[in-house]
Amino acid sequence: MAVRKVVKFPNPILKTPTLKVDVIDESVKKLVEDMFDTMYAEEGVGLAANQIGEPLRIMVIDTTPKKESPPLKLVLINPELLHAEGTIRYKEGCLSFPGLSLEVERYRKVRFKALDLQGEEKEYELEGFPAIVFQHELDHLNGVTFIDRVSSLKRRLALEKYYKLQRQHSRG
């Protein structure tokens, strides 16, 4: 169990699609433990493996801290979106963009399949906040960040704010 350093934007790993996991061995199980430890330490509700520098198609989700949705804790390996419907807008944050939040439009309801930690393929259906978290992390696995989901004007303004926050923090 270890808390790892969260990769911050503009690190190129965040813009690079991740690699499929072929074998779920002890190193993958240790990585998943580290991902949960890191996510909890950073007070997040989701984390993709590339956010801690591992270019693999693995995400962890735990919506328990957010009282606005039923508790949900998942390990998803090689997730694949099968169906999506409706839209919902939500103000999202991201551990790789500390201090920044943006209103993003996502699907309201998603159905997907993924392997669990035992290598079993399962199908899931999520709605509302858990669906938003899943889509945010799936984007990470595909090399997409939440700033890619807003207009170019909003993206430019958000990046200006983000870099200003980073400069203030580094002078800190």
Protein backbone atom coordinates (compact mmCIF):
# COMPACT_ATOMS: atom_id res chain seq x y z
CA MET A 1 0.00 0.00 0.00
CA ALA A 2 1.42 3.32 -1.06
CA VAL A 3 0.28 6.80 -1.92
CA ARG A 4 1.74 7.76 -5.29
CA LYS A 5 2.29 11.18 -6.79
CA VAL A 6 -0.60 12.30 -9.00
CA VAL A 7 0.53 13.34 -12.47
CA LYS A 8 -0.40 16.96 -13.18
CA PHE A 9 -1.40 18.50 -16.50
CA PRO A 10 0.38 19.12 -18.95
CA ASN A 11 2.25 15.81 -18.49
CA PRO A 12 1.97 13.98 -21.86
CA ILE A 13 0.86 10.69 -20.25
CA LEU A 14 -2.53 12.36 -19.63
CA LYS A 15 -3.00 12.83 -23.39
CA THR A 16 -1.85 9.31 -24.35
CA PRO A 17 -4.35 6.43 -24.66
CA THR A 18 -3.60 3.64 -22.18
CA LEU A 19 -2.72 0.02 -22.89
CA LYS A 20 -5.00 -2.98 -22.44
CA VAL A 21 -4.21 -5.17 -19.42
CA ASP A 22 -3.52 -8.73 -20.61
CA VAL A 23 -2.81 -10.42 -17.27
CA ILE A 24 -4.15 -9.56 -13.83
CA ASP A 25 -1.19 -10.52 -11.68
CA GLU A 26 0.20 -9.37 -8.33
CA SER A 27 1.69 -6.22 -9.87
CA VAL A 28 -1.77 -5.18 -11.13
CA LYS A 29 -3.33 -5.93 -7.73
CA LYS A 30 -0.62 -3.84 -6.02
CA LEU A 31 -1.22 -1.02 -8.51
CA VAL A 32 -4.96 -1.08 -7.72
CA GLU A 33 -4.18 -0.87 -3.97
CA ASP A 34 -1.89 2.10 -4.64
CA MET A 35 -4.58 3.72 -6.78
CA PHE A 36 -7.16 3.50 -3.97
CA ASP A 37 -4.61 4.77 -1.40
CA THR A 38 -3.71 7.70 -3.66
CA MET A 39 -7.33 8.53 -4.50
CA TYR A 40 -8.31 8.57 -0.81
CA ALA A 41 -5.24 10.63 0.17
CA GLU A 42 -6.17 13.20 -2.50
CA GLU A 43 -9.87 13.08 -1.51
CA GLY A 44 -10.96 11.99 -4.99
CA VAL A 45 -13.81 9.73 -6.06
CA GLY A 46 -12.12 8.24 -9.13
CA LEU A 47 -8.63 7.66 -10.45
CA ALA A 48 -7.22 6.32 -13.70
CA ALA A 49 -3.89 4.46 -13.72
CA ASN A 50 -2.24 7.01 -16.04
CA GLN A 51 -2.92 9.69 -13.41
CA ILE A 52 -0.20 8.04 -11.33
CA GLY A 53 2.08 7.42 -14.30
CA GLU A 54 0.97 3.89 -15.24
CA PRO A 55 -0.24 3.72 -18.87
CA LEU A 56 -2.73 0.89 -18.25
CA ARG A 57 -6.53 0.63 -18.78
CA ILE A 58 -7.39 0.49 -15.08
CA MET A 59 -9.62 2.78 -13.05
CA VAL A 60 -10.90 2.80 -9.50
CA ILE A 61 -14.07 4.52 -8.33
CA ASP A 62 -15.46 5.10 -4.84
CA THR A 63 -18.39 7.52 -4.66
CA THR A 64 -18.95 6.86 -0.93
CA PRO A 65 -17.53 10.27 0.17
CA LYS A 66 -20.09 12.07 -2.04
CA LYS A 67 -23.37 11.92 -0.17
CA GLU A 68 -25.29 12.82 -3.35
CA SER A 69 -25.22 9.27 -4.69
CA PRO A 70 -25.46 5.72 -3.39
CA PRO A 71 -22.08 4.34 -2.25
CA LEU A 72 -20.26 2.56 -5.03
CA LYS A 73 -16.75 1.09 -5.03
CA LEU A 74 -15.40 -0.44 -8.25
CA VAL A 75 -12.17 -1.68 -9.81
CA LEU A 76 -12.57 -1.60 -13.59
CA ILE A 77 -9.98 -3.15 -15.89
CA ASN A 78 -10.22 -2.68 -19.67
CA PRO A 79 -13.60 -0.90 -19.42
CA GLU A 80 -15.63 -0.62 -22.61
CA LEU A 81 -18.67 1.63 -23.03
CA LEU A 82 -21.61 -0.30 -24.51
CA HIS A 83 -24.48 2.19 -24.37
CA ALA A 84 -25.13 5.74 -23.23
CA GLU A 85 -28.23 7.92 -23.07
CA GLY A 86 -29.48 11.30 -21.94
CA THR A 87 -27.33 14.21 -20.86
CA ILE A 88 -26.43 15.79 -17.56
CA ARG A 89 -24.28 18.80 -16.67
CA TYR A 90 -22.02 18.67 -13.63
CA LYS A 91 -19.22 20.82 -12.24
CA GLU A 92 -16.25 18.45 -12.26
CA GLY A 93 -12.84 18.66 -10.68
CA CYS A 94 -9.78 16.56 -11.48
CA LEU A 95 -6.83 15.46 -9.35
CA SER A 96 -4.54 16.16 -12.33
CA PHE A 97 -5.81 19.78 -12.46
CA PRO A 98 -5.69 20.84 -8.79
CA GLY A 99 -7.90 23.82 -8.00
CA LEU A 100 -9.75 23.77 -11.31
CA SER A 101 -13.41 22.87 -11.81
CA LEU A 102 -15.50 23.05 -14.95
CA GLU A 103 -19.10 22.34 -15.84
CA VAL A 104 -19.04 19.44 -18.29
CA GLU A 105 -21.85 17.75 -20.19
CA ARG A 106 -21.88 13.96 -19.92
CA TYR A 107 -24.26 11.10 -20.55
CA ARG A 108 -26.82 10.70 -17.76
CA LYS A 109 -26.84 6.90 -17.94
CA VAL A 110 -24.17 4.46 -19.14
CA ARG A 111 -23.86 0.72 -19.60
CA PHE A 112 -20.39 -0.80 -19.89
CA LYS A 113 -18.39 -3.94 -19.38
CA ALA A 114 -15.06 -4.41 -17.62
CA LEU A 115 -12.95 -7.01 -15.91
CA ASP A 116 -12.89 -7.06 -12.12
CA LEU A 117 -9.78 -7.79 -10.05
CA GLN A 118 -10.42 -11.55 -10.38
CA GLY A 119 -10.45 -11.27 -14.18
CA GLU A 120 -14.20 -11.83 -14.51
CA GLU A 121 -16.00 -9.78 -17.14
CA LYS A 122 -18.99 -7.99 -15.69
CA GLU A 123 -21.57 -5.60 -17.08
CA TYR A 124 -22.55 -2.47 -15.17
CA GLU A 125 -25.20 0.21 -15.50
CA LEU A 126 -24.70 3.57 -13.81
CA GLU A 127 -26.76 6.73 -13.68
CA GLY A 128 -26.19 10.29 -12.45
CA PHE A 129 -23.05 11.04 -10.42
CA PRO A 130 -21.50 7.53 -10.63
CA ALA A 131 -21.98 7.62 -14.44
CA ILE A 132 -20.20 11.00 -14.54
CA VAL A 133 -17.25 9.64 -12.54
CA PHE A 134 -17.00 6.60 -14.82
CA GLN A 135 -17.00 8.77 -17.97
CA HIS A 136 -14.40 11.16 -16.51
CA GLU A 137 -12.04 8.25 -15.74
CA LEU A 138 -12.76 6.51 -19.06
CA ASP A 139 -11.75 9.74 -20.80
CA HIS A 140 -8.43 9.63 -18.90
CA LEU A 141 -7.83 6.08 -20.13
CA ASN A 142 -8.46 7.32 -23.68
CA GLY A 143 -6.04 10.25 -23.35
CA VAL A 144 -8.82 12.84 -22.97
CA THR A 145 -9.10 15.31 -20.09
CA PHE A 146 -12.17 17.18 -18.88
CA ILE A 147 -10.91 20.42 -20.42
CA ASP A 148 -11.23 18.71 -23.81
CA ARG A 149 -14.99 18.48 -23.16
CA VAL A 150 -15.65 22.24 -23.12
CA SER A 151 -15.62 24.94 -25.81
CA SER A 152 -12.29 26.37 -26.94
CA LEU A 153 -13.06 29.67 -25.17
CA LYS A 154 -13.89 27.94 -21.86
CA ARG A 155 -10.80 25.74 -22.29
CA ARG A 156 -8.53 28.76 -22.84
CA LEU A 157 -9.96 30.58 -19.80
CA ALA A 158 -9.73 27.43 -17.67
CA LEU A 159 -6.09 26.85 -18.65
CA GLU A 160 -5.22 30.48 -17.88
CA LYS A 161 -6.78 30.03 -14.43
CA TYR A 162 -5.05 26.67 -13.94
CA TYR A 163 -1.58 27.99 -14.84
CA LYS A 164 -2.11 31.02 -12.60
CA LEU A 165 -3.02 28.67 -9.71
CA GLN A 166 0.09 26.57 -10.44
CA ARG A 167 2.34 29.66 -10.38
CA GLN A 168 0.80 30.81 -7.07
CA HIS A 169 1.23 27.32 -5.60
CA SER A 170 4.88 27.04 -6.69
CA ARG A 171 5.67 30.39 -5.05
CA GLY A 172 3.65 29.23 -2.05
